Amino acid sequence: MINVDKGDNIKIQYINLSYDFSKIVKKVNFSHLQLFLNSSNWGMIWKANKDGIDPDYIGAPKIGKTYAIGIKTGF
């Protein structure tokens, strides 16, 4: 009987994409304008065990993906 299983894994935890419109907004009297998109908990890409076990969530419910989109600006 084996009591230990491999826990090696590769996950995508956090992604942040942003674009800065600094050259465009100077014509509109803003000092800066940035559009951003954040996302987290994308899941596991690879795991060493063949049982499909995620070592972060043994016996607990998995956390769903989260998304946020926003605008940062200054005058």
PDB file of N, CA and C in Angstrom:
ATOM      1  N   MET A   1       0.838  -1.182   0.000  1.00  0.00           N
ATOM      2  CA  MET A   1       0.000   0.000   0.000  1.00  0.00           C
ATOM      3  C   MET A   1       0.887   1.251   0.000  1.00  0.00           C
ATOM      4  N   ILE A   2       0.612   2.171  -0.910  1.00  0.00           N
ATOM      5  CA  ILE A   2       1.390   3.409  -1.011  1.00  0.00           C
ATOM      6  C   ILE A   2       0.628   4.526  -0.311  1.00  0.00           C
ATOM      7  N   ASN A   3       1.294   5.215   0.613  1.00  0.00           N
ATOM      8  CA  ASN A   3       0.681   6.312   1.353  1.00  0.00           C
ATOM      9  C   ASN A   3       1.112   7.690   0.843  1.00  0.00           C
ATOM     10  N   VAL A   4       2.005   7.715  -0.129  1.00  0.00           N
ATOM     11  CA  VAL A   4       2.525   8.979  -0.634  1.00  0.00           C
ATOM     12  C   VAL A   4       2.351   9.008  -2.148  1.00  0.00           C
ATOM     13  N   ASP A   5       1.920  10.140  -2.664  1.00  0.00           N
ATOM     14  CA  ASP A   5       1.768  10.315  -4.103  1.00  0.00           C
ATOM     15  C   ASP A   5       2.524  11.574  -4.511  1.00  0.00           C
ATOM     16  N   LYS A   6       2.983  11.636  -5.735  1.00  0.00           N
ATOM     17  CA  LYS A   6       3.727  12.806  -6.200  1.00  0.00           C
ATOM     18  C   LYS A   6       2.838  14.046  -6.175  1.00  0.00           C
ATOM     19  N   GLY A   7       3.406  15.167  -5.782  1.00  0.00           N
ATOM     20  CA  GLY A   7       2.669  16.425  -5.731  1.00  0.00           C
ATOM     21  C   GLY A   7       3.225  17.473  -6.677  1.00  0.00           C
ATOM     22  N   ASP A   8       4.160  17.090  -7.546  1.00  0.00           N
ATOM     23  CA  ASP A   8       4.738  18.048  -8.487  1.00  0.00           C
ATOM     24  C   ASP A   8       3.664  18.523  -9.452  1.00  0.00           C
ATOM     25  N   ASN A   9       3.653  19.840  -9.724  1.00  0.00           N
ATOM     26  CA  ASN A   9       2.674  20.365 -10.658  1.00  0.00           C
ATOM     27  C   ASN A   9       3.116  21.717 -11.200  1.00  0.00           C
ATOM     28  N   ILE A  10       2.495  22.107 -12.309  1.00  0.00           N
ATOM     29  CA  ILE A  10       2.695  23.433 -12.897  1.00  0.00           C
ATOM     30  C   ILE A  10       1.303  24.041 -13.061  1.00  0.00           C
ATOM     31  N   LYS A  11       1.139  25.269 -12.525  1.00  0.00           N
ATOM     32  CA  LYS A  11      -0.156  25.941 -12.571  1.00  0.00           C
ATOM     33  C   LYS A  11      -0.008  27.351 -13.123  1.00  0.00           C
ATOM     34  N   ILE A  12      -1.089  27.850 -13.667  1.00  0.00           N
ATOM     35  CA  ILE A  12      -1.178  29.273 -14.001  1.00  0.00           C
ATOM     36  C   ILE A  12      -2.018  29.896 -12.898  1.00  0.00           C
ATOM     37  N   GLN A  13      -1.399  30.734 -12.078  1.00  0.00           N
ATOM     38  CA  GLN A  13      -2.085  31.337 -10.938  1.00  0.00           C
ATOM     39  C   GLN A  13      -2.615  32.729 -11.247  1.00  0.00           C
ATOM     40  N   TYR A  14      -1.850  33.538 -11.993  1.00  0.00           N
ATOM     41  CA  TYR A  14      -2.231  34.934 -12.155  1.00  0.00           C
ATOM     42  C   TYR A  14      -1.760  35.454 -13.509  1.00  0.00           C
ATOM     43  N   ILE A  15      -2.654  36.142 -14.213  1.00  0.00           N
ATOM     44  CA  ILE A  15      -2.324  36.762 -15.490  1.00  0.00           C
ATOM     45  C   ILE A  15      -2.754  38.223 -15.423  1.00  0.00           C
ATOM     46  N   ASN A  16      -1.880  39.112 -15.851  1.00  0.00           N
ATOM     47  CA  ASN A  16      -2.189  40.541 -15.878  1.00  0.00           C
ATOM     48  C   ASN A  16      -1.808  41.079 -17.249  1.00  0.00           C
ATOM     49  N   LEU A  17      -2.791  41.622 -17.964  1.00  0.00           N
ATOM     50  CA  LEU A  17      -2.555  42.259 -19.248  1.00  0.00           C
ATOM     51  C   LEU A  17      -2.932  43.727 -19.116  1.00  0.00           C
ATOM     52  N   SER A  18      -2.114  44.615 -19.640  1.00  0.00           N
ATOM     53  CA  SER A  18      -2.443  46.041 -19.574  1.00  0.00           C
ATOM     54  C   SER A  18      -1.893  46.753 -20.798  1.00  0.00           C
ATOM     55  N   TYR A  19      -2.530  47.878 -21.105  1.00  0.00           N
ATOM     56  CA  TYR A  19      -2.070  48.712 -22.202  1.00  0.00           C
ATOM     57  C   TYR A  19      -2.123  50.155 -21.744  1.00  0.00           C
ATOM     58  N   ASP A  20      -1.045  50.873 -22.007  1.00  0.00           N
ATOM     59  CA  ASP A  20      -0.939  52.269 -21.596  1.00  0.00           C
ATOM     60  C   ASP A  20      -1.193  53.173 -22.809  1.00  0.00           C
ATOM     61  N   PHE A  21      -2.168  54.048 -22.681  1.00  0.00           N
ATOM     62  CA  PHE A  21      -2.535  54.969 -23.755  1.00  0.00           C
ATOM     63  C   PHE A  21      -1.911  56.351 -23.543  1.00  0.00           C
ATOM     64  N   SER A  22      -0.716  56.439 -23.036  1.00  0.00           N
ATOM     65  CA  SER A  22      -0.130  57.721 -22.644  1.00  0.00           C
ATOM     66  C   SER A  22       0.054  58.678 -23.822  1.00  0.00           C
ATOM     67  N   LYS A  23       0.398  58.183 -24.996  1.00  0.00           N
ATOM     68  CA  LYS A  23       0.588  59.076 -26.142  1.00  0.00           C
ATOM     69  C   LYS A  23      -0.740  59.638 -26.647  1.00  0.00           C
ATOM     70  N   ILE A  24      -1.783  58.867 -26.552  1.00  0.00           N
ATOM     71  CA  ILE A  24      -3.093  59.283 -27.054  1.00  0.00           C
ATOM     72  C   ILE A  24      -3.757  60.284 -26.109  1.00  0.00           C
ATOM     73  N   VAL A  25      -3.654  60.057 -24.802  1.00  0.00           N
ATOM     74  CA  VAL A  25      -4.416  60.851 -23.833  1.00  0.00           C
ATOM     75  C   VAL A  25      -3.856  62.238 -23.592  1.00  0.00           C
ATOM     76  N   LYS A  26      -2.658  62.505 -24.012  1.00  0.00           N
ATOM     77  CA  LYS A  26      -2.120  63.854 -23.825  1.00  0.00           C
ATOM     78  C   LYS A  26      -2.942  64.878 -24.601  1.00  0.00           C
ATOM     79  N   LYS A  27      -3.614  64.432 -25.648  1.00  0.00           N
ATOM     80  CA  LYS A  27      -4.487  65.301 -26.434  1.00  0.00           C
ATOM     81  C   LYS A  27      -5.799  65.586 -25.701  1.00  0.00           C
ATOM     82  N   VAL A  28      -6.126  64.775 -24.670  1.00  0.00           N
ATOM     83  CA  VAL A  28      -7.388  64.906 -23.944  1.00  0.00           C
ATOM     84  C   VAL A  28      -7.175  65.423 -22.517  1.00  0.00           C
ATOM     85  N   ASN A  29      -5.995  65.910 -22.201  1.00  0.00           N
ATOM     86  CA  ASN A  29      -5.644  66.496 -20.895  1.00  0.00           C
ATOM     87  C   ASN A  29      -5.612  65.494 -19.742  1.00  0.00           C
ATOM     88  N   PHE A  30      -5.339  64.237 -19.997  1.00  0.00           N
ATOM     89  CA  PHE A  30      -5.061  63.258 -18.948  1.00  0.00           C
ATOM     90  C   PHE A  30      -3.550  63.120 -18.836  1.00  0.00           C
ATOM     91  N   SER A  31      -3.053  62.833 -17.638  1.00  0.00           N
ATOM     92  CA  SER A  31      -1.624  62.571 -17.509  1.00  0.00           C
ATOM     93  C   SER A  31      -1.299  61.133 -17.910  1.00  0.00           C
ATOM     94  N   HIS A  32      -2.227  60.226 -17.633  1.00  0.00           N
ATOM     95  CA  HIS A  32      -2.059  58.841 -18.082  1.00  0.00           C
ATOM     96  C   HIS A  32      -3.426  58.148 -18.133  1.00  0.00           C
ATOM     97  N   LEU A  33      -3.485  57.098 -18.941  1.00  0.00           N
ATOM     98  CA  LEU A  33      -4.684  56.267 -19.059  1.00  0.00           C
ATOM     99  C   LEU A  33      -4.221  54.849 -19.360  1.00  0.00           C
ATOM    100  N   GLN A  34      -4.680  53.919 -18.558  1.00  0.00           N
ATOM    101  CA  GLN A  34      -4.267  52.519 -18.721  1.00  0.00           C
ATOM    102  C   GLN A  34      -5.495  51.628 -18.614  1.00  0.00           C
ATOM    103  N   LEU A  35      -5.621  50.700 -19.527  1.00  0.00           N
ATOM    104  CA  LEU A  35      -6.670  49.691 -19.512  1.00  0.00           C
ATOM    105  C   LEU A  35      -6.030  48.382 -19.070  1.00  0.00           C
ATOM    106  N   PHE A  36      -6.666  47.662 -18.111  1.00  0.00           N
ATOM    107  CA  PHE A  36      -6.060  46.419 -17.635  1.00  0.00           C
ATOM    108  C   PHE A  36      -7.085  45.308 -17.501  1.00  0.00           C
ATOM    109  N   LEU A  37      -6.592  44.086 -17.576  1.00  0.00           N
ATOM    110  CA  LEU A  37      -7.377  42.871 -17.389  1.00  0.00           C
ATOM    111  C   LEU A  37      -6.563  41.945 -16.501  1.00  0.00           C
ATOM    112  N   ASN A  38      -7.145  41.516 -15.380  1.00  0.00           N
ATOM    113  CA  ASN A  38      -6.498  40.575 -14.463  1.00  0.00           C
ATOM    114  C   ASN A  38      -7.334  39.309 -14.394  1.00  0.00           C
ATOM    115  N   SER A  39      -6.677  38.189 -14.287  1.00  0.00           N
ATOM    116  CA  SER A  39      -7.375  36.916 -14.122  1.00  0.00           C
ATOM    117  C   SER A  39      -6.529  36.015 -13.223  1.00  0.00           C
ATOM    118  N   SER A  40      -7.198  35.212 -12.395  1.00  0.00           N
ATOM    119  CA  SER A  40      -6.466  34.314 -11.500  1.00  0.00           C
ATOM    120  C   SER A  40      -7.144  32.953 -11.423  1.00  0.00           C
ATOM    121  N   ASN A  41      -6.390  31.991 -10.891  1.00  0.00           N
ATOM    122  CA  ASN A  41      -6.837  30.606 -10.684  1.00  0.00           C
ATOM    123  C   ASN A  41      -7.196  29.909 -11.995  1.00  0.00           C
ATOM    124  N   TRP A  42      -6.302  29.958 -12.951  1.00  0.00           N
ATOM    125  CA  TRP A  42      -6.546  29.333 -14.249  1.00  0.00           C
ATOM    126  C   TRP A  42      -6.448  27.818 -14.201  1.00  0.00           C
ATOM    127  N   GLY A  43      -5.761  27.297 -13.227  1.00  0.00           N
ATOM    128  CA  GLY A  43      -5.727  25.848 -13.074  1.00  0.00           C
ATOM    129  C   GLY A  43      -4.384  25.218 -13.367  1.00  0.00           C
ATOM    130  N   MET A  44      -4.409  23.898 -13.371  1.00  0.00           N
ATOM    131  CA  MET A  44      -3.195  23.114 -13.485  1.00  0.00           C
ATOM    132  C   MET A  44      -2.914  22.781 -14.949  1.00  0.00           C
ATOM    133  N   ILE A  45      -1.671  22.978 -15.353  1.00  0.00           N
ATOM    134  CA  ILE A  45      -1.239  22.641 -16.709  1.00  0.00           C
ATOM    135  C   ILE A  45      -0.703  21.214 -16.754  1.00  0.00           C
ATOM    136  N   TRP A  46       0.054  20.852 -15.705  1.00  0.00           N
ATOM    137  CA  TRP A  46       0.689  19.542 -15.653  1.00  0.00           C
ATOM    138  C   TRP A  46       0.765  19.068 -14.215  1.00  0.00           C
ATOM    139  N   LYS A  47       0.594  17.763 -14.013  1.00  0.00           N
ATOM    140  CA  LYS A  47       0.767  17.174 -12.679  1.00  0.00           C
ATOM    141  C   LYS A  47       1.480  15.838 -12.818  1.00  0.00           C
ATOM    142  N   ALA A  48       2.303  15.502 -11.822  1.00  0.00           N
ATOM    143  CA  ALA A  48       3.114  14.291 -11.868  1.00  0.00           C
ATOM    144  C   ALA A  48       2.307  13.042 -11.519  1.00  0.00           C
ATOM    145  N   ASN A  49       1.257  13.195 -10.705  1.00  0.00           N
ATOM    146  CA  ASN A  49       0.500  12.011 -10.310  1.00  0.00           C
ATOM    147  C   ASN A  49      -0.514  11.637 -11.389  1.00  0.00           C
ATOM    148  N   LYS A  50      -0.851  10.371 -11.448  1.00  0.00           N
ATOM    149  CA  LYS A  50      -1.794   9.878 -12.450  1.00  0.00           C
ATOM    150  C   LYS A  50      -3.226   9.804 -11.911  1.00  0.00           C
ATOM    151  N   ASP A  51      -3.414  10.194 -10.654  1.00  0.00           N
ATOM    152  CA  ASP A  51      -4.729  10.108 -10.024  1.00  0.00           C
ATOM    153  C   ASP A  51      -5.549  11.386 -10.182  1.00  0.00           C
ATOM    154  N   GLY A  52      -4.989  12.432 -10.794  1.00  0.00           N
ATOM    155  CA  GLY A  52      -5.707  13.686 -10.973  1.00  0.00           C
ATOM    156  C   GLY A  52      -5.821  14.505  -9.705  1.00  0.00           C
ATOM    157  N   ILE A  53      -4.941  14.257  -8.742  1.00  0.00           N
ATOM    158  CA  ILE A  53      -5.004  14.948  -7.452  1.00  0.00           C
ATOM    159  C   ILE A  53      -4.299  16.289  -7.542  1.00  0.00           C
ATOM    160  N   ASP A  54      -4.975  17.330  -7.070  1.00  0.00           N
ATOM    161  CA  ASP A  54      -4.380  18.659  -6.951  1.00  0.00           C
ATOM    162  C   ASP A  54      -3.973  18.833  -5.494  1.00  0.00           C
ATOM    163  N   PRO A  55      -2.677  18.930  -5.185  1.00  0.00           N
ATOM    164  CA  PRO A  55      -2.235  18.974  -3.793  1.00  0.00           C
ATOM    165  C   PRO A  55      -2.713  20.206  -3.023  1.00  0.00           C
ATOM    166  N   ASP A  56      -3.099  21.272  -3.714  1.00  0.00           N
ATOM    167  CA  ASP A  56      -3.594  22.464  -3.027  1.00  0.00           C
ATOM    168  C   ASP A  56      -5.038  22.316  -2.548  1.00  0.00           C
ATOM    169  N   TYR A  57      -5.776  21.382  -3.129  1.00  0.00           N
ATOM    170  CA  TYR A  57      -7.205  21.279  -2.819  1.00  0.00           C
ATOM    171  C   TYR A  57      -7.632  19.874  -2.404  1.00  0.00           C
ATOM    172  N   ILE A  58      -6.809  19.179  -1.676  1.00  0.00           N
ATOM    173  CA  ILE A  58      -7.195  17.844  -1.213  1.00  0.00           C
ATOM    174  C   ILE A  58      -8.280  17.995  -0.151  1.00  0.00           C
ATOM    175  N   GLY A  59      -9.448  17.483  -0.421  1.00  0.00           N
ATOM    176  CA  GLY A  59     -10.560  17.522   0.535  1.00  0.00           C
ATOM    177  C   GLY A  59     -11.235  18.878   0.642  1.00  0.00           C
ATOM    178  N   ALA A  60     -10.934  19.812  -0.240  1.00  0.00           N
ATOM    179  CA  ALA A  60     -11.544  21.148  -0.208  1.00  0.00           C
ATOM    180  C   ALA A  60     -12.065  21.485  -1.602  1.00  0.00           C
ATOM    181  N   PRO A  61     -13.097  22.307  -1.669  1.00  0.00           N
ATOM    182  CA  PRO A  61     -13.598  22.679  -2.998  1.00  0.00           C
ATOM    183  C   PRO A  61     -12.597  23.574  -3.736  1.00  0.00           C
ATOM    184  N   LYS A  62     -12.528  23.408  -5.047  1.00  0.00           N
ATOM    185  CA  LYS A  62     -11.621  24.216  -5.855  1.00  0.00           C
ATOM    186  C   LYS A  62     -12.172  25.633  -5.996  1.00  0.00           C
ATOM    187  N   ILE A  63     -11.276  26.581  -6.084  1.00  0.00           N
ATOM    188  CA  ILE A  63     -11.650  27.982  -6.260  1.00  0.00           C
ATOM    189  C   ILE A  63     -11.790  28.250  -7.756  1.00  0.00           C
ATOM    190  N   GLY A  64     -12.865  28.911  -8.143  1.00  0.00           N
ATOM    191  CA  GLY A  64     -13.097  29.204  -9.549  1.00  0.00           C
ATOM    192  C   GLY A  64     -12.220  30.323 -10.068  1.00  0.00           C
ATOM    193  N   LYS A  65     -12.221  30.478 -11.383  1.00  0.00           N
ATOM    194  CA  LYS A  65     -11.457  31.543 -12.018  1.00  0.00           C
ATOM    195  C   LYS A  65     -12.076  32.892 -11.655  1.00  0.00           C
ATOM    196  N   THR A  66     -11.241  33.901 -11.524  1.00  0.00           N
ATOM    197  CA  THR A  66     -11.721  35.257 -11.283  1.00  0.00           C
ATOM    198  C   THR A  66     -11.178  36.180 -12.357  1.00  0.00           C
ATOM    199  N   TYR A  67     -11.975  37.174 -12.710  1.00  0.00           N
ATOM    200  CA  TYR A  67     -11.608  38.138 -13.726  1.00  0.00           C
ATOM    201  C   TYR A  67     -11.873  39.541 -13.216  1.00  0.00           C
ATOM    202  N   ALA A  68     -11.044  40.493 -13.629  1.00  0.00           N
ATOM    203  CA  ALA A  68     -11.266  41.900 -13.327  1.00  0.00           C
ATOM    204  C   ALA A  68     -10.784  42.715 -14.512  1.00  0.00           C
ATOM    205  N   ILE A  69     -11.566  43.714 -14.869  1.00  0.00           N
ATOM    206  CA  ILE A  69     -11.187  44.616 -15.937  1.00  0.00           C
ATOM    207  C   ILE A  69     -11.333  46.032 -15.397  1.00  0.00           C
ATOM    208  N   GLY A  70     -10.432  46.917 -15.772  1.00  0.00           N
ATOM    209  CA  GLY A  70     -10.517  48.256 -15.220  1.00  0.00           C
ATOM    210  C   GLY A  70      -9.732  49.277 -16.020  1.00  0.00           C
ATOM    211  N   ILE A  71      -9.889  50.509 -15.588  1.00  0.00           N
ATOM    212  CA  ILE A  71      -9.201  51.643 -16.187  1.00  0.00           C
ATOM    213  C   ILE A  71      -8.528  52.436 -15.084  1.00  0.00           C
ATOM    214  N   LYS A  72      -7.260  52.752 -15.280  1.00  0.00           N
ATOM    215  CA  LYS A  72      -6.533  53.638 -14.360  1.00  0.00           C
ATOM    216  C   LYS A  72      -6.285  54.933 -15.109  1.00  0.00           C
ATOM    217  N   THR A  73      -6.567  56.046 -14.446  1.00  0.00           N
ATOM    218  CA  THR A  73      -6.367  57.328 -15.097  1.00  0.00           C
ATOM    219  C   THR A  73      -5.896  58.382 -14.118  1.00  0.00           C
ATOM    220  N   GLY A  74      -5.336  59.430 -14.622  1.00  0.00           N
ATOM    221  CA  GLY A  74      -4.891  60.546 -13.800  1.00  0.00           C
ATOM    222  C   GLY A  74      -5.016  61.846 -14.590  1.00  0.00           C
ATOM    223  N   PHE A  75      -5.194  62.919 -13.877  1.00  0.00           N
ATOM    224  CA  PHE A  75      -5.364  64.230 -14.534  1.00  0.00           C
ATOM    225  C   PHE A  75      -4.117  65.057 -14.420  1.00  0.00           C
TER     226      PHE A  75
END
